Structure formats: structure tokens, C-alpha cells
Amino acid sequence: MTTSWENKTTYQHAELSGLVDRSGEVASMLTRAGATSDQALLALDRVTQGQSVMLATNEIMSYVAIAFVLAALIIWLAPRPTRAVDLSKAGH
């Protein structure tokens, strides 16, 4: 699960990197505000990384939710036991 999450994070980061600040307006705004060009790029990378982690987490948790729903349906649709359990003979 962790490997899948990391792979999805890497994929999402690659996808978002192509979409972030194509025109360079945000990077130039950050440099005008006093950041160096390296700091501006690092800030953009951190935002992109955070968003890619969130997208990957959402996707993995969607799969987990589907698995839980399927497990609950299997339990709900399972046949009921035919004989009753005598609790007086159990344990302590």
C-alpha cells in the first residue's frame, strides 16, 4: 500500500509540474516580493508536492473505501448460521 501511495504521489507530482506556473507569473511575483529565483522555485515545488500527496492519498483512500464496502456487502449477504450457539457451555 505504501509503495502504491508513493508511486501515485510521484505520478501526480509529474502531472502537476507540467501545469504549475506555465507563464512564470507566480515565480516572478515571488522574486519581486524578495525571494531569490531558487527560493521561488522551491516554494512552487513544495506546493506541488503537497498537492500531489493529497491527490494520491485521496485516490488510495477511495480504493480502501471501496474495499470496505465490498467486505461489508459480503458479510451482509453471507448465509446465517443454521444452529444456535449455547452460551452456557462457553468459556468461564
PDB file of N, CA and C in Angstrom:
ATOM      1  N   MET A   1       0.820  -1.175   0.000  1.00  0.00           N
ATOM      2  CA  MET A   1       0.000   0.000   0.000  1.00  0.00           C
ATOM      3  C   MET A   1       0.876   1.256   0.000  1.00  0.00           C
ATOM      4  N   THR A   2       1.933   1.223   0.795  1.00  0.00           N
ATOM      5  CA  THR A   2       2.826   2.376   0.865  1.00  0.00           C
ATOM      6  C   THR A   2       3.535   2.608  -0.473  1.00  0.00           C
ATOM      7  N   THR A   3       3.952   1.530  -1.098  1.00  0.00           N
ATOM      8  CA  THR A   3       4.620   1.661  -2.392  1.00  0.00           C
ATOM      9  C   THR A   3       3.674   2.237  -3.433  1.00  0.00           C
ATOM     10  N   SER A   4       2.446   1.767  -3.424  1.00  0.00           N
ATOM     11  CA  SER A   4       1.446   2.288  -4.357  1.00  0.00           C
ATOM     12  C   SER A   4       1.195   3.770  -4.098  1.00  0.00           C
ATOM     13  N   TRP A   5       1.115   4.147  -2.840  1.00  0.00           N
ATOM     14  CA  TRP A   5       0.892   5.547  -2.474  1.00  0.00           C
ATOM     15  C   TRP A   5       2.064   6.419  -2.938  1.00  0.00           C
ATOM     16  N   GLU A   6       3.275   5.950  -2.728  1.00  0.00           N
ATOM     17  CA  GLU A   6       4.453   6.699  -3.172  1.00  0.00           C
ATOM     18  C   GLU A   6       4.507   6.812  -4.695  1.00  0.00           C
ATOM     19  N   ASN A   7       4.162   5.724  -5.391  1.00  0.00           N
ATOM     20  CA  ASN A   7       4.154   5.763  -6.851  1.00  0.00           C
ATOM     21  C   ASN A   7       3.107   6.741  -7.371  1.00  0.00           C
ATOM     22  N   LYS A   8       1.934   6.752  -6.747  1.00  0.00           N
ATOM     23  CA  LYS A   8       0.886   7.682  -7.153  1.00  0.00           C
ATOM     24  C   LYS A   8       1.285   9.120  -6.838  1.00  0.00           C
ATOM     25  N   THR A   9       1.983   9.333  -5.737  1.00  0.00           N
ATOM     26  CA  THR A   9       2.472  10.671  -5.403  1.00  0.00           C
ATOM     27  C   THR A   9       3.465  11.151  -6.454  1.00  0.00           C
ATOM     28  N   THR A  10       4.375  10.284  -6.854  1.00  0.00           N
ATOM     29  CA  THR A  10       5.347  10.640  -7.878  1.00  0.00           C
ATOM     30  C   THR A  10       4.655  10.949  -9.201  1.00  0.00           C
ATOM     31  N   TYR A  11       3.675  10.125  -9.565  1.00  0.00           N
ATOM     32  CA  TYR A  11       2.941  10.351 -10.810  1.00  0.00           C
ATOM     33  C   TYR A  11       2.187  11.684 -10.759  1.00  0.00           C
ATOM     34  N   GLN A  12       1.492  11.943  -9.646  1.00  0.00           N
ATOM     35  CA  GLN A  12       0.732  13.184  -9.520  1.00  0.00           C
ATOM     36  C   GLN A  12       1.659  14.396  -9.550  1.00  0.00           C
ATOM     37  N   HIS A  13       2.831  14.285  -8.929  1.00  0.00           N
ATOM     38  CA  HIS A  13       3.791  15.383  -8.930  1.00  0.00           C
ATOM     39  C   HIS A  13       4.259  15.677 -10.351  1.00  0.00           C
ATOM     40  N   ALA A  14       4.503  14.631 -11.113  1.00  0.00           N
ATOM     41  CA  ALA A  14       4.929  14.817 -12.501  1.00  0.00           C
ATOM     42  C   ALA A  14       3.821  15.475 -13.328  1.00  0.00           C
ATOM     43  N   GLU A  15       2.577  15.063 -13.089  1.00  0.00           N
ATOM     44  CA  GLU A  15       1.454  15.652 -13.813  1.00  0.00           C
ATOM     45  C   GLU A  15       1.251  17.120 -13.436  1.00  0.00           C
ATOM     46  N   LEU A  16       1.347  17.418 -12.148  1.00  0.00           N
ATOM     47  CA  LEU A  16       1.126  18.790 -11.698  1.00  0.00           C
ATOM     48  C   LEU A  16       2.275  19.714 -12.096  1.00  0.00           C
ATOM     49  N   SER A  17       3.472  19.169 -12.178  1.00  0.00           N
ATOM     50  CA  SER A  17       4.623  20.000 -12.539  1.00  0.00           C
ATOM     51  C   SER A  17       4.464  20.624 -13.919  1.00  0.00           C
ATOM     52  N   GLY A  18       3.805  19.902 -14.803  1.00  0.00           N
ATOM     53  CA  GLY A  18       3.569  20.438 -16.130  1.00  0.00           C
ATOM     54  C   GLY A  18       2.493  21.506 -16.171  1.00  0.00           C
ATOM     55  N   LEU A  19       1.699  21.585 -15.122  1.00  0.00           N
ATOM     56  CA  LEU A  19       0.592  22.538 -15.101  1.00  0.00           C
ATOM     57  C   LEU A  19       0.862  23.787 -14.266  1.00  0.00           C
ATOM     58  N   VAL A  20       1.852  23.711 -13.389  1.00  0.00           N
ATOM     59  CA  VAL A  20       2.109  24.796 -12.449  1.00  0.00           C
ATOM     60  C   VAL A  20       2.892  25.916 -13.115  1.00  0.00           C
ATOM     61  N   ASP A  21       2.381  27.108 -13.011  1.00  0.00           N
ATOM     62  CA  ASP A  21       3.084  28.339 -13.396  1.00  0.00           C
ATOM     63  C   ASP A  21       3.720  28.263 -14.780  1.00  0.00           C
ATOM     64  N   ARG A  22       2.911  27.926 -15.771  1.00  0.00           N
ATOM     65  CA  ARG A  22       3.414  27.847 -17.150  1.00  0.00           C
ATOM     66  C   ARG A  22       3.936  29.192 -17.646  1.00  0.00           C
ATOM     67  N   SER A  23       3.255  30.259 -17.254  1.00  0.00           N
ATOM     68  CA  SER A  23       3.650  31.578 -17.750  1.00  0.00           C
ATOM     69  C   SER A  23       4.780  32.196 -16.925  1.00  0.00           C
ATOM     70  N   GLY A  24       5.047  31.656 -15.744  1.00  0.00           N
ATOM     71  CA  GLY A  24       6.107  32.186 -14.892  1.00  0.00           C
ATOM     72  C   GLY A  24       5.678  33.379 -14.050  1.00  0.00           C
ATOM     73  N   GLU A  25       4.381  33.671 -14.029  1.00  0.00           N
ATOM     74  CA  GLU A  25       3.897  34.823 -13.273  1.00  0.00           C
ATOM     75  C   GLU A  25       4.102  34.662 -11.767  1.00  0.00           C
ATOM     76  N   VAL A  26       3.834  33.460 -11.260  1.00  0.00           N
ATOM     77  CA  VAL A  26       3.952  33.250  -9.808  1.00  0.00           C
ATOM     78  C   VAL A  26       5.416  33.350  -9.388  1.00  0.00           C
ATOM     79  N   ALA A  27       6.307  32.747 -10.147  1.00  0.00           N
ATOM     80  CA  ALA A  27       7.734  32.813  -9.814  1.00  0.00           C
ATOM     81  C   ALA A  27       8.234  34.255  -9.861  1.00  0.00           C
ATOM     82  N   SER A  28       7.800  35.013 -10.858  1.00  0.00           N
ATOM     83  CA  SER A  28       8.242  36.413 -10.926  1.00  0.00           C
ATOM     84  C   SER A  28       7.622  37.241  -9.805  1.00  0.00           C
ATOM     85  N   MET A  29       6.390  36.917  -9.410  1.00  0.00           N
ATOM     86  CA  MET A  29       5.767  37.619  -8.292  1.00  0.00           C
ATOM     87  C   MET A  29       6.545  37.355  -6.997  1.00  0.00           C
ATOM     88  N   LEU A  30       6.974  36.102  -6.816  1.00  0.00           N
ATOM     89  CA  LEU A  30       7.743  35.764  -5.620  1.00  0.00           C
ATOM     90  C   LEU A  30       9.104  36.451  -5.625  1.00  0.00           C
ATOM     91  N   THR A  31       9.734  36.550  -6.778  1.00  0.00           N
ATOM     92  CA  THR A  31      11.035  37.229  -6.827  1.00  0.00           C
ATOM     93  C   THR A  31      10.877  38.732  -6.610  1.00  0.00           C
ATOM     94  N   ARG A  32       9.783  39.303  -7.098  1.00  0.00           N
ATOM     95  CA  ARG A  32       9.531  40.714  -6.824  1.00  0.00           C
ATOM     96  C   ARG A  32       9.239  40.965  -5.348  1.00  0.00           C
ATOM     97  N   ALA A  33       8.725  39.943  -4.665  1.00  0.00           N
ATOM     98  CA  ALA A  33       8.433  40.072  -3.241  1.00  0.00           C
ATOM     99  C   ALA A  33       9.679  39.884  -2.379  1.00  0.00           C
ATOM    100  N   GLY A  34      10.817  39.552  -2.998  1.00  0.00           N
ATOM    101  CA  GLY A  34      12.057  39.468  -2.238  1.00  0.00           C
ATOM    102  C   GLY A  34      12.706  38.104  -2.212  1.00  0.00           C
ATOM    103  N   ALA A  35      12.073  37.089  -2.810  1.00  0.00           N
ATOM    104  CA  ALA A  35      12.664  35.751  -2.823  1.00  0.00           C
ATOM    105  C   ALA A  35      13.648  35.640  -3.989  1.00  0.00           C
ATOM    106  N   THR A  36      14.652  34.822  -3.799  1.00  0.00           N
ATOM    107  CA  THR A  36      15.549  34.540  -4.919  1.00  0.00           C
ATOM    108  C   THR A  36      14.832  33.600  -5.879  1.00  0.00           C
ATOM    109  N   SER A  37      15.376  33.423  -7.053  1.00  0.00           N
ATOM    110  CA  SER A  37      14.727  32.537  -8.038  1.00  0.00           C
ATOM    111  C   SER A  37      14.713  31.091  -7.532  1.00  0.00           C
ATOM    112  N   ASP A  38      15.776  30.682  -6.833  1.00  0.00           N
ATOM    113  CA  ASP A  38      15.802  29.325  -6.258  1.00  0.00           C
ATOM    114  C   ASP A  38      14.740  29.162  -5.180  1.00  0.00           C
ATOM    115  N   GLN A  39      14.562  30.179  -4.343  1.00  0.00           N
ATOM    116  CA  GLN A  39      13.539  30.122  -3.302  1.00  0.00           C
ATOM    117  C   GLN A  39      12.146  30.079  -3.910  1.00  0.00           C
ATOM    118  N   ALA A  40      11.929  30.829  -4.971  1.00  0.00           N
ATOM    119  CA  ALA A  40      10.624  30.828  -5.639  1.00  0.00           C
ATOM    120  C   ALA A  40      10.319  29.454  -6.224  1.00  0.00           C
ATOM    121  N   LEU A  41      11.308  28.850  -6.872  1.00  0.00           N
ATOM    122  CA  LEU A  41      11.108  27.516  -7.438  1.00  0.00           C
ATOM    123  C   LEU A  41      10.896  26.466  -6.347  1.00  0.00           C
ATOM    124  N   LEU A  42      11.613  26.610  -5.243  1.00  0.00           N
ATOM    125  CA  LEU A  42      11.434  25.685  -4.126  1.00  0.00           C
ATOM    126  C   LEU A  42      10.042  25.818  -3.521  1.00  0.00           C
ATOM    127  N   ALA A  43       9.551  27.037  -3.396  1.00  0.00           N
ATOM    128  CA  ALA A  43       8.205  27.251  -2.868  1.00  0.00           C
ATOM    129  C   ALA A  43       7.162  26.620  -3.781  1.00  0.00           C
ATOM    130  N   LEU A  44       7.321  26.794  -5.082  1.00  0.00           N
ATOM    131  CA  LEU A  44       6.394  26.171  -6.025  1.00  0.00           C
ATOM    132  C   LEU A  44       6.469  24.649  -5.965  1.00  0.00           C
ATOM    133  N   ASP A  45       7.683  24.122  -5.809  1.00  0.00           N
ATOM    134  CA  ASP A  45       7.845  22.671  -5.708  1.00  0.00           C
ATOM    135  C   ASP A  45       7.191  22.129  -4.445  1.00  0.00           C
ATOM    136  N   ARG A  46       7.319  22.852  -3.339  1.00  0.00           N
ATOM    137  CA  ARG A  46       6.694  22.394  -2.091  1.00  0.00           C
ATOM    138  C   ARG A  46       5.182  22.383  -2.195  1.00  0.00           C
ATOM    139  N   VAL A  47       4.608  23.392  -2.816  1.00  0.00           N
ATOM    140  CA  VAL A  47       3.160  23.422  -3.008  1.00  0.00           C
ATOM    141  C   VAL A  47       2.729  22.270  -3.905  1.00  0.00           C
ATOM    142  N   THR A  48       3.475  22.049  -4.984  1.00  0.00           N
ATOM    143  CA  THR A  48       3.167  20.961  -5.898  1.00  0.00           C
ATOM    144  C   THR A  48       3.278  19.614  -5.199  1.00  0.00           C
ATOM    145  N   GLN A  49       4.304  19.435  -4.393  1.00  0.00           N
ATOM    146  CA  GLN A  49       4.486  18.174  -3.665  1.00  0.00           C
ATOM    147  C   GLN A  49       3.347  17.943  -2.679  1.00  0.00           C
ATOM    148  N   GLY A  50       2.957  18.971  -1.962  1.00  0.00           N
ATOM    149  CA  GLY A  50       1.853  18.839  -1.011  1.00  0.00           C
ATOM    150  C   GLY A  50       0.553  18.461  -1.698  1.00  0.00           C
ATOM    151  N   GLN A  51       0.288  19.083  -2.836  1.00  0.00           N
ATOM    152  CA  GLN A  51      -0.942  18.768  -3.562  1.00  0.00           C
ATOM    153  C   GLN A  51      -0.892  17.376  -4.179  1.00  0.00           C
ATOM    154  N   SER A  52       0.270  16.954  -4.616  1.00  0.00           N
ATOM    155  CA  SER A  52       0.373  15.613  -5.190  1.00  0.00           C
ATOM    156  C   SER A  52       0.187  14.547  -4.118  1.00  0.00           C
ATOM    157  N   VAL A  53       0.668  14.804  -2.916  1.00  0.00           N
ATOM    158  CA  VAL A  53       0.442  13.868  -1.807  1.00  0.00           C
ATOM    159  C   VAL A  53      -1.047  13.788  -1.486  1.00  0.00           C
ATOM    160  N   MET A  54      -1.723  14.925  -1.476  1.00  0.00           N
ATOM    161  CA  MET A  54      -3.159  14.915  -1.186  1.00  0.00           C
ATOM    162  C   MET A  54      -3.943  14.177  -2.266  1.00  0.00           C
ATOM    163  N   LEU A  55      -3.614  14.382  -3.528  1.00  0.00           N
ATOM    164  CA  LEU A  55      -4.302  13.678  -4.606  1.00  0.00           C
ATOM    165  C   LEU A  55      -4.070  12.167  -4.519  1.00  0.00           C
ATOM    166  N   ALA A  56      -2.837  11.773  -4.238  1.00  0.00           N
ATOM    167  CA  ALA A  56      -2.530  10.348  -4.110  1.00  0.00           C
ATOM    168  C   ALA A  56      -3.243   9.742  -2.908  1.00  0.00           C
ATOM    169  N   THR A  57      -3.295  10.483  -1.807  1.00  0.00           N
ATOM    170  CA  THR A  57      -3.985   9.996  -0.610  1.00  0.00           C
ATOM    171  C   THR A  57      -5.474   9.832  -0.886  1.00  0.00           C
ATOM    172  N   ASN A  58      -6.073  10.789  -1.560  1.00  0.00           N
ATOM    173  CA  ASN A  58      -7.488  10.681  -1.903  1.00  0.00           C
ATOM    174  C   ASN A  58      -7.762   9.457  -2.760  1.00  0.00           C
ATOM    175  N   GLU A  59      -6.898   9.193  -3.710  1.00  0.00           N
ATOM    176  CA  GLU A  59      -7.097   8.044  -4.589  1.00  0.00           C
ATOM    177  C   GLU A  59      -6.969   6.727  -3.823  1.00  0.00           C
ATOM    178  N   ILE A  60      -5.937   6.620  -3.001  1.00  0.00           N
ATOM    179  CA  ILE A  60      -5.744   5.390  -2.214  1.00  0.00           C
ATOM    180  C   ILE A  60      -6.903   5.183  -1.239  1.00  0.00           C
ATOM    181  N   MET A  61      -7.340   6.255  -0.582  1.00  0.00           N
ATOM    182  CA  MET A  61      -8.444   6.119   0.366  1.00  0.00           C
ATOM    183  C   MET A  61      -9.754   5.775  -0.339  1.00  0.00           C
ATOM    184  N   SER A  62      -9.919   6.198  -1.576  1.00  0.00           N
ATOM    185  CA  SER A  62     -11.099   5.789  -2.349  1.00  0.00           C
ATOM    186  C   SER A  62     -11.081   4.283  -2.571  1.00  0.00           C
ATOM    187  N   TYR A  63      -9.922   3.742  -2.905  1.00  0.00           N
ATOM    188  CA  TYR A  63      -9.803   2.296  -3.081  1.00  0.00           C
ATOM    189  C   TYR A  63     -10.069   1.551  -1.769  1.00  0.00           C
ATOM    190  N   VAL A  64      -9.587   2.087  -0.666  1.00  0.00           N
ATOM    191  CA  VAL A  64      -9.818   1.458   0.639  1.00  0.00           C
ATOM    192  C   VAL A  64     -11.298   1.486   0.982  1.00  0.00           C
ATOM    193  N   ALA A  65     -11.969   2.603   0.717  1.00  0.00           N
ATOM    194  CA  ALA A  65     -13.401   2.706   0.994  1.00  0.00           C
ATOM    195  C   ALA A  65     -14.184   1.698   0.165  1.00  0.00           C
ATOM    196  N   ILE A  66     -13.818   1.533  -1.099  1.00  0.00           N
ATOM    197  CA  ILE A  66     -14.494   0.550  -1.947  1.00  0.00           C
ATOM    198  C   ILE A  66     -14.277  -0.858  -1.407  1.00  0.00           C
ATOM    199  N   ALA A  67     -13.060  -1.143  -0.947  1.00  0.00           N
ATOM    200  CA  ALA A  67     -12.777  -2.466  -0.369  1.00  0.00           C
ATOM    201  C   ALA A  67     -13.603  -2.716   0.886  1.00  0.00           C
ATOM    202  N   PHE A  68     -13.745  -1.698   1.744  1.00  0.00           N
ATOM    203  CA  PHE A  68     -14.561  -1.849   2.951  1.00  0.00           C
ATOM    204  C   PHE A  68     -16.028  -2.063   2.617  1.00  0.00           C
ATOM    205  N   VAL A  69     -16.529  -1.347   1.636  1.00  0.00           N
ATOM    206  CA  VAL A  69     -17.927  -1.512   1.242  1.00  0.00           C
ATOM    207  C   VAL A  69     -18.150  -2.918   0.689  1.00  0.00           C
ATOM    208  N   LEU A  70     -17.249  -3.386  -0.145  1.00  0.00           N
ATOM    209  CA  LEU A  70     -17.367  -4.743  -0.671  1.00  0.00           C
ATOM    210  C   LEU A  70     -17.298  -5.786   0.436  1.00  0.00           C
ATOM    211  N   ALA A  71     -16.395  -5.588   1.398  1.00  0.00           N
ATOM    212  CA  ALA A  71     -16.299  -6.530   2.525  1.00  0.00           C
ATOM    213  C   ALA A  71     -17.578  -6.532   3.346  1.00  0.00           C
ATOM    214  N   ALA A  72     -18.153  -5.362   3.574  1.00  0.00           N
ATOM    215  CA  ALA A  72     -19.405  -5.283   4.333  1.00  0.00           C
ATOM    216  C   ALA A  72     -20.542  -5.962   3.577  1.00  0.00           C
ATOM    217  N   LEU A  73     -20.577  -5.788   2.264  1.00  0.00           N
ATOM    218  CA  LEU A  73     -21.617  -6.453   1.478  1.00  0.00           C
ATOM    219  C   LEU A  73     -21.476  -7.965   1.505  1.00  0.00           C
ATOM    220  N   ILE A  74     -20.229  -8.443   1.453  1.00  0.00           N
ATOM    221  CA  ILE A  74     -20.003  -9.891   1.507  1.00  0.00           C
ATOM    222  C   ILE A  74     -20.478 -10.450   2.842  1.00  0.00           C
ATOM    223  N   ILE A  75     -20.174  -9.750   3.925  1.00  0.00           N
ATOM    224  CA  ILE A  75     -20.607 -10.207   5.248  1.00  0.00           C
ATOM    225  C   ILE A  75     -22.126 -10.140   5.354  1.00  0.00           C
ATOM    226  N   TRP A  76     -22.722  -9.081   4.834  1.00  0.00           N
ATOM    227  CA  TRP A  76     -24.165  -8.899   4.928  1.00  0.00           C
ATOM    228  C   TRP A  76     -24.909  -9.953   4.116  1.00  0.00           C
ATOM    229  N   LEU A  77     -24.350 -10.343   2.977  1.00  0.00           N
ATOM    230  CA  LEU A  77     -25.004 -11.314   2.108  1.00  0.00           C
ATOM    231  C   LEU A  77     -24.665 -12.761   2.447  1.00  0.00           C
ATOM    232  N   ALA A  78     -23.748 -12.988   3.366  1.00  0.00           N
ATOM    233  CA  ALA A  78     -23.365 -14.350   3.753  1.00  0.00           C
ATOM    234  C   ALA A  78     -24.555 -15.036   4.424  1.00  0.00           C
ATOM    235  N   PRO A  79     -24.689 -16.338   4.223  1.00  0.00           N
ATOM    236  CA  PRO A  79     -25.812 -17.051   4.851  1.00  0.00           C
ATOM    237  C   PRO A  79     -25.671 -17.083   6.378  1.00  0.00           C
ATOM    238  N   ARG A  80     -26.809 -17.014   7.026  1.00  0.00           N
ATOM    239  CA  ARG A  80     -26.813 -17.046   8.502  1.00  0.00           C
ATOM    240  C   ARG A  80     -26.558 -18.482   8.978  1.00  0.00           C
ATOM    241  N   PRO A  81     -25.943 -18.626  10.173  1.00  0.00           N
ATOM    242  CA  PRO A  81     -25.720 -19.976  10.707  1.00  0.00           C
ATOM    243  C   PRO A  81     -27.062 -20.662  10.995  1.00  0.00           C
ATOM    244  N   THR A  82     -27.104 -21.974  10.811  1.00  0.00           N
ATOM    245  CA  THR A  82     -28.364 -22.693  10.980  1.00  0.00           C
ATOM    246  C   THR A  82     -28.592 -23.144  12.414  1.00  0.00           C
ATOM    247  N   ARG A  83     -27.575 -23.354  13.189  1.00  0.00           N
ATOM    248  CA  ARG A  83     -27.775 -23.800  14.566  1.00  0.00           C
ATOM    249  C   ARG A  83     -27.432 -22.681  15.537  1.00  0.00           C
ATOM    250  N   ALA A  84     -28.084 -22.706  16.686  1.00  0.00           N
ATOM    251  CA  ALA A  84     -27.872 -21.688  17.709  1.00  0.00           C
ATOM    252  C   ALA A  84     -26.682 -22.083  18.584  1.00  0.00           C
ATOM    253  N   VAL A  85     -25.996 -21.108  19.119  1.00  0.00           N
ATOM    254  CA  VAL A  85     -24.854 -21.339  19.989  1.00  0.00           C
ATOM    255  C   VAL A  85     -25.346 -21.340  21.426  1.00  0.00           C
ATOM    256  N   ASP A  86     -24.949 -22.367  22.206  1.00  0.00           N
ATOM    257  CA  ASP A  86     -25.317 -22.451  23.616  1.00  0.00           C
ATOM    258  C   ASP A  86     -24.251 -21.699  24.422  1.00  0.00           C
ATOM    259  N   LEU A  87     -24.595 -20.496  24.901  1.00  0.00           N
ATOM    260  CA  LEU A  87     -23.642 -19.670  25.621  1.00  0.00           C
ATOM    261  C   LEU A  87     -23.356 -20.181  27.027  1.00  0.00           C
ATOM    262  N   SER A  88     -24.199 -21.048  27.600  1.00  0.00           N
ATOM    263  CA  SER A  88     -23.950 -21.554  28.963  1.00  0.00           C
ATOM    264  C   SER A  88     -22.741 -22.487  28.986  1.00  0.00           C
ATOM    265  N   LYS A  89     -22.403 -23.088  27.896  1.00  0.00           N
ATOM    266  CA  LYS A  89     -21.265 -24.005  27.839  1.00  0.00           C
ATOM    267  C   LYS A  89     -19.981 -23.335  27.363  1.00  0.00           C
ATOM    268  N   ALA A  90     -20.037 -22.050  27.153  1.00  0.00           N
ATOM    269  CA  ALA A  90     -18.858 -21.333  26.633  1.00  0.00           C
ATOM    270  C   ALA A  90     -17.977 -20.846  27.761  1.00  0.00           C
ATOM    271  N   GLY A  91     -16.708 -21.047  27.623  1.00  0.00           N
ATOM    272  CA  GLY A  91     -15.671 -20.444  28.470  1.00  0.00           C
ATOM    273  C   GLY A  91     -15.887 -20.486  29.968  1.00  0.00           C
ATOM    274  N   HIS A  92     -15.648 -19.374  30.607  1.00  0.00           N
ATOM    275  CA  HIS A  92     -15.589 -19.254  32.053  1.00  0.00           C
ATOM    276  C   HIS A  92     -16.933 -19.379  32.624  1.00  0.00           C
TER     277      HIS A  92
END
